[in-house]
Amino acid sequence: MVAKQIRDGITAQVLKMKEAISVVPGLAGILVGDWKDSSTYVRNKNKACAFVGINSFEVRLPEDSTEQELIKFI
């Protein structure tokens, strides 16, 4: 019940922002390596974003990525 009220409130705020300034907020997830738990976490965040109308972006990098390669996506 409380979670639904929070989601509904966020959805309404996202719609107001889109109508007022033509901007939709977004969440970016950067995954380095292939950790199942991290993939599940990001997948669930993507679903939550879609539910309330927030854009979500996902970047997957190999485990041996350098810090400089990672920084390009931040």
PDB file of N, CA and C in Angstrom:
ATOM      1  N   MET A   1       0.820  -1.187   0.000  1.00  0.00           N
ATOM      2  CA  MET A   1       0.000   0.000   0.000  1.00  0.00           C
ATOM      3  C   MET A   1       0.867   1.255   0.000  1.00  0.00           C
ATOM      4  N   VAL A   2       1.824   1.325   0.918  1.00  0.00           N
ATOM      5  CA  VAL A   2       2.698   2.499   0.991  1.00  0.00           C
ATOM      6  C   VAL A   2       3.570   2.584  -0.253  1.00  0.00           C
ATOM      7  N   ALA A   3       4.093   1.445  -0.703  1.00  0.00           N
ATOM      8  CA  ALA A   3       4.949   1.446  -1.891  1.00  0.00           C
ATOM      9  C   ALA A   3       4.185   1.942  -3.116  1.00  0.00           C
ATOM     10  N   LYS A   4       2.926   1.539  -3.244  1.00  0.00           N
ATOM     11  CA  LYS A   4       2.117   1.988  -4.380  1.00  0.00           C
ATOM     12  C   LYS A   4       1.906   3.497  -4.316  1.00  0.00           C
ATOM     13  N   GLN A   5       1.668   4.026  -3.148  1.00  0.00           N
ATOM     14  CA  GLN A   5       1.487   5.476  -3.004  1.00  0.00           C
ATOM     15  C   GLN A   5       2.762   6.211  -3.401  1.00  0.00           C
ATOM     16  N   ILE A   6       3.904   5.688  -3.010  1.00  0.00           N
ATOM     17  CA  ILE A   6       5.179   6.313  -3.371  1.00  0.00           C
ATOM     18  C   ILE A   6       5.373   6.264  -4.880  1.00  0.00           C
ATOM     19  N   ARG A   7       5.134   5.098  -5.489  1.00  0.00           N
ATOM     20  CA  ARG A   7       5.278   4.965  -6.947  1.00  0.00           C
ATOM     21  C   ARG A   7       4.332   5.915  -7.681  1.00  0.00           C
ATOM     22  N   ASP A   8       3.093   5.990  -7.205  1.00  0.00           N
ATOM     23  CA  ASP A   8       2.126   6.890  -7.844  1.00  0.00           C
ATOM     24  C   ASP A   8       2.578   8.344  -7.744  1.00  0.00           C
ATOM     25  N   GLY A   9       3.134   8.721  -6.596  1.00  0.00           N
ATOM     26  CA  GLY A   9       3.638  10.085  -6.425  1.00  0.00           C
ATOM     27  C   GLY A   9       4.802  10.385  -7.351  1.00  0.00           C
ATOM     28  N   ILE A  10       5.699   9.433  -7.482  1.00  0.00           N
ATOM     29  CA  ILE A  10       6.852   9.613  -8.378  1.00  0.00           C
ATOM     30  C   ILE A  10       6.382   9.719  -9.825  1.00  0.00           C
ATOM     31  N   THR A  11       5.442   8.864 -10.197  1.00  0.00           N
ATOM     32  CA  THR A  11       4.896   8.910 -11.556  1.00  0.00           C
ATOM     33  C   THR A  11       4.312  10.278 -11.855  1.00  0.00           C
ATOM     34  N   ALA A  12       3.565  10.818 -10.913  1.00  0.00           N
ATOM     35  CA  ALA A  12       2.959  12.144 -11.107  1.00  0.00           C
ATOM     36  C   ALA A  12       4.034  13.225 -11.237  1.00  0.00           C
ATOM     37  N   GLN A  13       5.080  13.147 -10.435  1.00  0.00           N
ATOM     38  CA  GLN A  13       6.155  14.138 -10.512  1.00  0.00           C
ATOM     39  C   GLN A  13       6.900  14.040 -11.834  1.00  0.00           C
ATOM     40  N   VAL A  14       7.122  12.837 -12.320  1.00  0.00           N
ATOM     41  CA  VAL A  14       7.798  12.656 -13.604  1.00  0.00           C
ATOM     42  C   VAL A  14       6.958  13.258 -14.728  1.00  0.00           C
ATOM     43  N   LEU A  15       5.656  13.030 -14.694  1.00  0.00           N
ATOM     44  CA  LEU A  15       4.767  13.598 -15.719  1.00  0.00           C
ATOM     45  C   LEU A  15       4.767  15.126 -15.668  1.00  0.00           C
ATOM     46  N   LYS A  16       4.740  15.693 -14.466  1.00  0.00           N
ATOM     47  CA  LYS A  16       4.779  17.155 -14.334  1.00  0.00           C
ATOM     48  C   LYS A  16       6.072  17.715 -14.917  1.00  0.00           C
ATOM     49  N   MET A  17       7.183  17.055 -14.624  1.00  0.00           N
ATOM     50  CA  MET A  17       8.476  17.514 -15.138  1.00  0.00           C
ATOM     51  C   MET A  17       8.492  17.456 -16.660  1.00  0.00           C
ATOM     52  N   LYS A  18       7.982  16.356 -17.194  1.00  0.00           N
ATOM     53  CA  LYS A  18       7.960  16.200 -18.648  1.00  0.00           C
ATOM     54  C   LYS A  18       7.112  17.284 -19.300  1.00  0.00           C
ATOM     55  N   GLU A  19       5.949  17.571 -18.716  1.00  0.00           N
ATOM     56  CA  GLU A  19       5.071  18.592 -19.277  1.00  0.00           C
ATOM     57  C   GLU A  19       5.636  19.998 -19.103  1.00  0.00           C
ATOM     58  N   ALA A  20       6.266  20.274 -17.961  1.00  0.00           N
ATOM     59  CA  ALA A  20       6.745  21.619 -17.653  1.00  0.00           C
ATOM     60  C   ALA A  20       8.012  21.992 -18.413  1.00  0.00           C
ATOM     61  N   ILE A  21       8.965  21.060 -18.466  1.00  0.00           N
ATOM     62  CA  ILE A  21      10.260  21.418 -19.052  1.00  0.00           C
ATOM     63  C   ILE A  21      10.732  20.435 -20.127  1.00  0.00           C
ATOM     64  N   SER A  22       9.854  19.532 -20.526  1.00  0.00           N
ATOM     65  CA  SER A  22      10.157  18.548 -21.580  1.00  0.00           C
ATOM     66  C   SER A  22      11.398  17.708 -21.270  1.00  0.00           C
ATOM     67  N   VAL A  23      11.568  17.388 -19.997  1.00  0.00           N
ATOM     68  CA  VAL A  23      12.691  16.555 -19.584  1.00  0.00           C
ATOM     69  C   VAL A  23      12.153  15.369 -18.799  1.00  0.00           C
ATOM     70  N   VAL A  24      12.671  14.187 -19.114  1.00  0.00           N
ATOM     71  CA  VAL A  24      12.342  12.988 -18.357  1.00  0.00           C
ATOM     72  C   VAL A  24      13.609  12.579 -17.608  1.00  0.00           C
ATOM     73  N   PRO A  25      13.523  12.417 -16.288  1.00  0.00           N
ATOM     74  CA  PRO A  25      14.722  12.011 -15.549  1.00  0.00           C
ATOM     75  C   PRO A  25      15.174  10.622 -15.971  1.00  0.00           C
ATOM     76  N   GLY A  26      16.422  10.325 -15.673  1.00  0.00           N
ATOM     77  CA  GLY A  26      16.966   9.027 -16.047  1.00  0.00           C
ATOM     78  C   GLY A  26      17.897   8.476 -14.992  1.00  0.00           C
ATOM     79  N   LEU A  27      18.088   7.185 -15.049  1.00  0.00           N
ATOM     80  CA  LEU A  27      19.001   6.486 -14.157  1.00  0.00           C
ATOM     81  C   LEU A  27      19.925   5.639 -15.019  1.00  0.00           C
ATOM     82  N   ALA A  28      21.228   5.791 -14.813  1.00  0.00           N
ATOM     83  CA  ALA A  28      22.205   5.004 -15.568  1.00  0.00           C
ATOM     84  C   ALA A  28      22.857   3.989 -14.651  1.00  0.00           C
ATOM     85  N   GLY A  29      22.948   2.779 -15.137  1.00  0.00           N
ATOM     86  CA  GLY A  29      23.636   1.724 -14.401  1.00  0.00           C
ATOM     87  C   GLY A  29      24.833   1.252 -15.203  1.00  0.00           C
ATOM     88  N   ILE A  30      25.981   1.182 -14.549  1.00  0.00           N
ATOM     89  CA  ILE A  30      27.199   0.707 -15.206  1.00  0.00           C
ATOM     90  C   ILE A  30      27.618  -0.581 -14.514  1.00  0.00           C
ATOM     91  N   LEU A  31      27.654  -1.649 -15.274  1.00  0.00           N
ATOM     92  CA  LEU A  31      28.057  -2.943 -14.746  1.00  0.00           C
ATOM     93  C   LEU A  31      29.427  -3.303 -15.297  1.00  0.00           C
ATOM     94  N   VAL A  32      30.339  -3.598 -14.405  1.00  0.00           N
ATOM     95  CA  VAL A  32      31.672  -4.029 -14.809  1.00  0.00           C
ATOM     96  C   VAL A  32      31.804  -5.491 -14.409  1.00  0.00           C
ATOM     97  N   GLY A  33      32.026  -6.339 -15.388  1.00  0.00           N
ATOM     98  CA  GLY A  33      32.095  -7.766 -15.130  1.00  0.00           C
ATOM     99  C   GLY A  33      30.725  -8.396 -15.265  1.00  0.00           C
ATOM    100  N   ASP A  34      30.635  -9.657 -14.905  1.00  0.00           N
ATOM    101  CA  ASP A  34      29.405 -10.423 -15.099  1.00  0.00           C
ATOM    102  C   ASP A  34      28.950 -11.033 -13.780  1.00  0.00           C
ATOM    103  N   TRP A  35      28.634 -10.188 -12.816  1.00  0.00           N
ATOM    104  CA  TRP A  35      28.174 -10.659 -11.516  1.00  0.00           C
ATOM    105  C   TRP A  35      26.663 -10.781 -11.560  1.00  0.00           C
ATOM    106  N   LYS A  36      26.167 -11.958 -11.321  1.00  0.00           N
ATOM    107  CA  LYS A  36      24.732 -12.211 -11.411  1.00  0.00           C
ATOM    108  C   LYS A  36      23.942 -11.308 -10.460  1.00  0.00           C
ATOM    109  N   ASP A  37      24.408 -11.148  -9.225  1.00  0.00           N
ATOM    110  CA  ASP A  37      23.685 -10.322  -8.251  1.00  0.00           C
ATOM    111  C   ASP A  37      23.580  -8.874  -8.722  1.00  0.00           C
ATOM    112  N   SER A  38      24.654  -8.346  -9.275  1.00  0.00           N
ATOM    113  CA  SER A  38      24.638  -6.966  -9.769  1.00  0.00           C
ATOM    114  C   SER A  38      23.707  -6.832 -10.969  1.00  0.00           C
ATOM    115  N   SER A  39      23.721  -7.816 -11.833  1.00  0.00           N
ATOM    116  CA  SER A  39      22.828  -7.796 -12.995  1.00  0.00           C
ATOM    117  C   SER A  39      21.368  -7.812 -12.557  1.00  0.00           C
ATOM    118  N   THR A  40      21.056  -8.620 -11.560  1.00  0.00           N
ATOM    119  CA  THR A  40      19.697  -8.672 -11.027  1.00  0.00           C
ATOM    120  C   THR A  40      19.303  -7.331 -10.431  1.00  0.00           C
ATOM    121  N   TYR A  41      20.201  -6.728  -9.675  1.00  0.00           N
ATOM    122  CA  TYR A  41      19.933  -5.427  -9.057  1.00  0.00           C
ATOM    123  C   TYR A  41      19.626  -4.374 -10.118  1.00  0.00           C
ATOM    124  N   VAL A  42      20.455  -4.293 -11.138  1.00  0.00           N
ATOM    125  CA  VAL A  42      20.255  -3.293 -12.190  1.00  0.00           C
ATOM    126  C   VAL A  42      18.983  -3.588 -12.981  1.00  0.00           C
ATOM    127  N   ARG A  43      18.725  -4.843 -13.260  1.00  0.00           N
ATOM    128  CA  ARG A  43      17.502  -5.210 -13.972  1.00  0.00           C
ATOM    129  C   ARG A  43      16.266  -4.759 -13.177  1.00  0.00           C
ATOM    130  N   ASN A  44      16.270  -4.951 -11.868  1.00  0.00           N
ATOM    131  CA  ASN A  44      15.148  -4.535 -11.041  1.00  0.00           C
ATOM    132  C   ASN A  44      15.008  -3.016 -11.005  1.00  0.00           C
ATOM    133  N   LYS A  45      16.107  -2.300 -11.002  1.00  0.00           N
ATOM    134  CA  LYS A  45      16.050  -0.833 -11.054  1.00  0.00           C
ATOM    135  C   LYS A  45      15.486  -0.367 -12.394  1.00  0.00           C
ATOM    136  N   ASN A  46      15.865  -1.032 -13.481  1.00  0.00           N
ATOM    137  CA  ASN A  46      15.328  -0.690 -14.806  1.00  0.00           C
ATOM    138  C   ASN A  46      13.813  -0.895 -14.838  1.00  0.00           C
ATOM    139  N   LYS A  47      13.344  -1.992 -14.249  1.00  0.00           N
ATOM    140  CA  LYS A  47      11.904  -2.252 -14.195  1.00  0.00           C
ATOM    141  C   LYS A  47      11.188  -1.179 -13.379  1.00  0.00           C
ATOM    142  N   ALA A  48      11.764  -0.802 -12.243  1.00  0.00           N
ATOM    143  CA  ALA A  48      11.154   0.226 -11.392  1.00  0.00           C
ATOM    144  C   ALA A  48      11.089   1.556 -12.132  1.00  0.00           C
ATOM    145  N   CYS A  49      12.133   1.883 -12.855  1.00  0.00           N
ATOM    146  CA  CYS A  49      12.142   3.126 -13.641  1.00  0.00           C
ATOM    147  C   CYS A  49      11.043   3.104 -14.691  1.00  0.00           C
ATOM    148  N   ALA A  50      10.932   2.010 -15.404  1.00  0.00           N
ATOM    149  CA  ALA A  50       9.910   1.894 -16.447  1.00  0.00           C
ATOM    150  C   ALA A  50       8.519   2.048 -15.853  1.00  0.00           C
ATOM    151  N   PHE A  51       8.303   1.523 -14.667  1.00  0.00           N
ATOM    152  CA  PHE A  51       6.997   1.566 -14.027  1.00  0.00           C
ATOM    153  C   PHE A  51       6.545   2.993 -13.733  1.00  0.00           C
ATOM    154  N   VAL A  52       7.492   3.882 -13.394  1.00  0.00           N
ATOM    155  CA  VAL A  52       7.135   5.261 -13.040  1.00  0.00           C
ATOM    156  C   VAL A  52       7.437   6.267 -14.151  1.00  0.00           C
ATOM    157  N   GLY A  53       7.944   5.798 -15.289  1.00  0.00           N
ATOM    158  CA  GLY A  53       8.170   6.683 -16.426  1.00  0.00           C
ATOM    159  C   GLY A  53       9.538   7.327 -16.489  1.00  0.00           C
ATOM    160  N   ILE A  54      10.481   6.799 -15.740  1.00  0.00           N
ATOM    161  CA  ILE A  54      11.855   7.307 -15.762  1.00  0.00           C
ATOM    162  C   ILE A  54      12.648   6.512 -16.801  1.00  0.00           C
ATOM    163  N   ASN A  55      13.473   7.209 -17.583  1.00  0.00           N
ATOM    164  CA  ASN A  55      14.351   6.525 -18.540  1.00  0.00           C
ATOM    165  C   ASN A  55      15.440   5.787 -17.775  1.00  0.00           C
ATOM    166  N   SER A  56      15.837   4.647 -18.279  1.00  0.00           N
ATOM    167  CA  SER A  56      16.973   3.945 -17.676  1.00  0.00           C
ATOM    168  C   SER A  56      17.946   3.545 -18.777  1.00  0.00           C
ATOM    169  N   PHE A  57      19.199   3.580 -18.422  1.00  0.00           N
ATOM    170  CA  PHE A  57      20.275   3.277 -19.360  1.00  0.00           C
ATOM    171  C   PHE A  57      21.205   2.277 -18.694  1.00  0.00           C
ATOM    172  N   GLU A  58      21.719   1.362 -19.462  1.00  0.00           N
ATOM    173  CA  GLU A  58      22.614   0.344 -18.907  1.00  0.00           C
ATOM    174  C   GLU A  58      23.853   0.223 -19.783  1.00  0.00           C
ATOM    175  N   VAL A  59      24.993   0.230 -19.129  1.00  0.00           N
ATOM    176  CA  VAL A  59      26.267   0.031 -19.817  1.00  0.00           C
ATOM    177  C   VAL A  59      26.914  -1.205 -19.200  1.00  0.00           C
ATOM    178  N   ARG A  60      27.359  -2.116 -20.030  1.00  0.00           N
ATOM    179  CA  ARG A  60      28.054  -3.316 -19.551  1.00  0.00           C
ATOM    180  C   ARG A  60      29.483  -3.293 -20.083  1.00  0.00           C
ATOM    181  N   LEU A  61      30.404  -3.409 -19.159  1.00  0.00           N
ATOM    182  CA  LEU A  61      31.824  -3.417 -19.511  1.00  0.00           C
ATOM    183  C   LEU A  61      32.444  -4.739 -19.065  1.00  0.00           C
ATOM    184  N   PRO A  62      33.473  -5.183 -19.775  1.00  0.00           N
ATOM    185  CA  PRO A  62      34.142  -6.418 -19.364  1.00  0.00           C
ATOM    186  C   PRO A  62      34.868  -6.240 -18.029  1.00  0.00           C
ATOM    187  N   GLU A  63      35.082  -7.339 -17.358  1.00  0.00           N
ATOM    188  CA  GLU A  63      35.710  -7.337 -16.038  1.00  0.00           C
ATOM    189  C   GLU A  63      37.097  -6.699 -16.045  1.00  0.00           C
ATOM    190  N   ASP A  64      37.802  -6.809 -17.153  1.00  0.00           N
ATOM    191  CA  ASP A  64      39.163  -6.273 -17.219  1.00  0.00           C
ATOM    192  C   ASP A  64      39.210  -4.818 -17.702  1.00  0.00           C
ATOM    193  N   SER A  65      38.071  -4.113 -17.637  1.00  0.00           N
ATOM    194  CA  SER A  65      38.038  -2.703 -18.049  1.00  0.00           C
ATOM    195  C   SER A  65      38.936  -1.870 -17.138  1.00  0.00           C
ATOM    196  N   THR A  66      39.548  -0.892 -17.742  1.00  0.00           N
ATOM    197  CA  THR A  66      40.402   0.006 -16.961  1.00  0.00           C
ATOM    198  C   THR A  66      39.556   1.118 -16.346  1.00  0.00           C
ATOM    199  N   GLU A  67      40.139   1.803 -15.395  1.00  0.00           N
ATOM    200  CA  GLU A  67      39.459   2.931 -14.772  1.00  0.00           C
ATOM    201  C   GLU A  67      39.143   4.000 -15.818  1.00  0.00           C
ATOM    202  N   GLN A  68      40.055   4.240 -16.739  1.00  0.00           N
ATOM    203  CA  GLN A  68      39.835   5.239 -17.785  1.00  0.00           C
ATOM    204  C   GLN A  68      38.655   4.857 -18.690  1.00  0.00           C
ATOM    205  N   GLU A  69      38.518   3.569 -19.005  1.00  0.00           N
ATOM    206  CA  GLU A  69      37.378   3.112 -19.815  1.00  0.00           C
ATOM    207  C   GLU A  69      36.066   3.327 -19.064  1.00  0.00           C
ATOM    208  N   LEU A  70      36.075   3.066 -17.789  1.00  0.00           N
ATOM    209  CA  LEU A  70      34.891   3.255 -16.960  1.00  0.00           C
ATOM    210  C   LEU A  70      34.494   4.714 -16.863  1.00  0.00           C
ATOM    211  N   ILE A  71      35.469   5.581 -16.653  1.00  0.00           N
ATOM    212  CA  ILE A  71      35.226   7.014 -16.486  1.00  0.00           C
ATOM    213  C   ILE A  71      34.552   7.625 -17.712  1.00  0.00           C
ATOM    214  N   LYS A  72      34.763   7.059 -18.870  1.00  0.00           N
ATOM    215  CA  LYS A  72      34.135   7.578 -20.094  1.00  0.00           C
ATOM    216  C   LYS A  72      32.608   7.555 -19.994  1.00  0.00           C
ATOM    217  N   PHE A  73      32.069   6.682 -19.165  1.00  0.00           N
ATOM    218  CA  PHE A  73      30.613   6.525 -19.078  1.00  0.00           C
ATOM    219  C   PHE A  73      29.996   7.257 -17.893  1.00  0.00           C
ATOM    220  N   ILE A  74      30.820   7.922 -17.115  1.00  0.00           N
ATOM    221  CA  ILE A  74      30.313   8.641 -15.939  1.00  0.00           C
ATOM    222  C   ILE A  74      30.044  10.083 -16.299  1.00  0.00           C
TER     223      ILE A  74
END
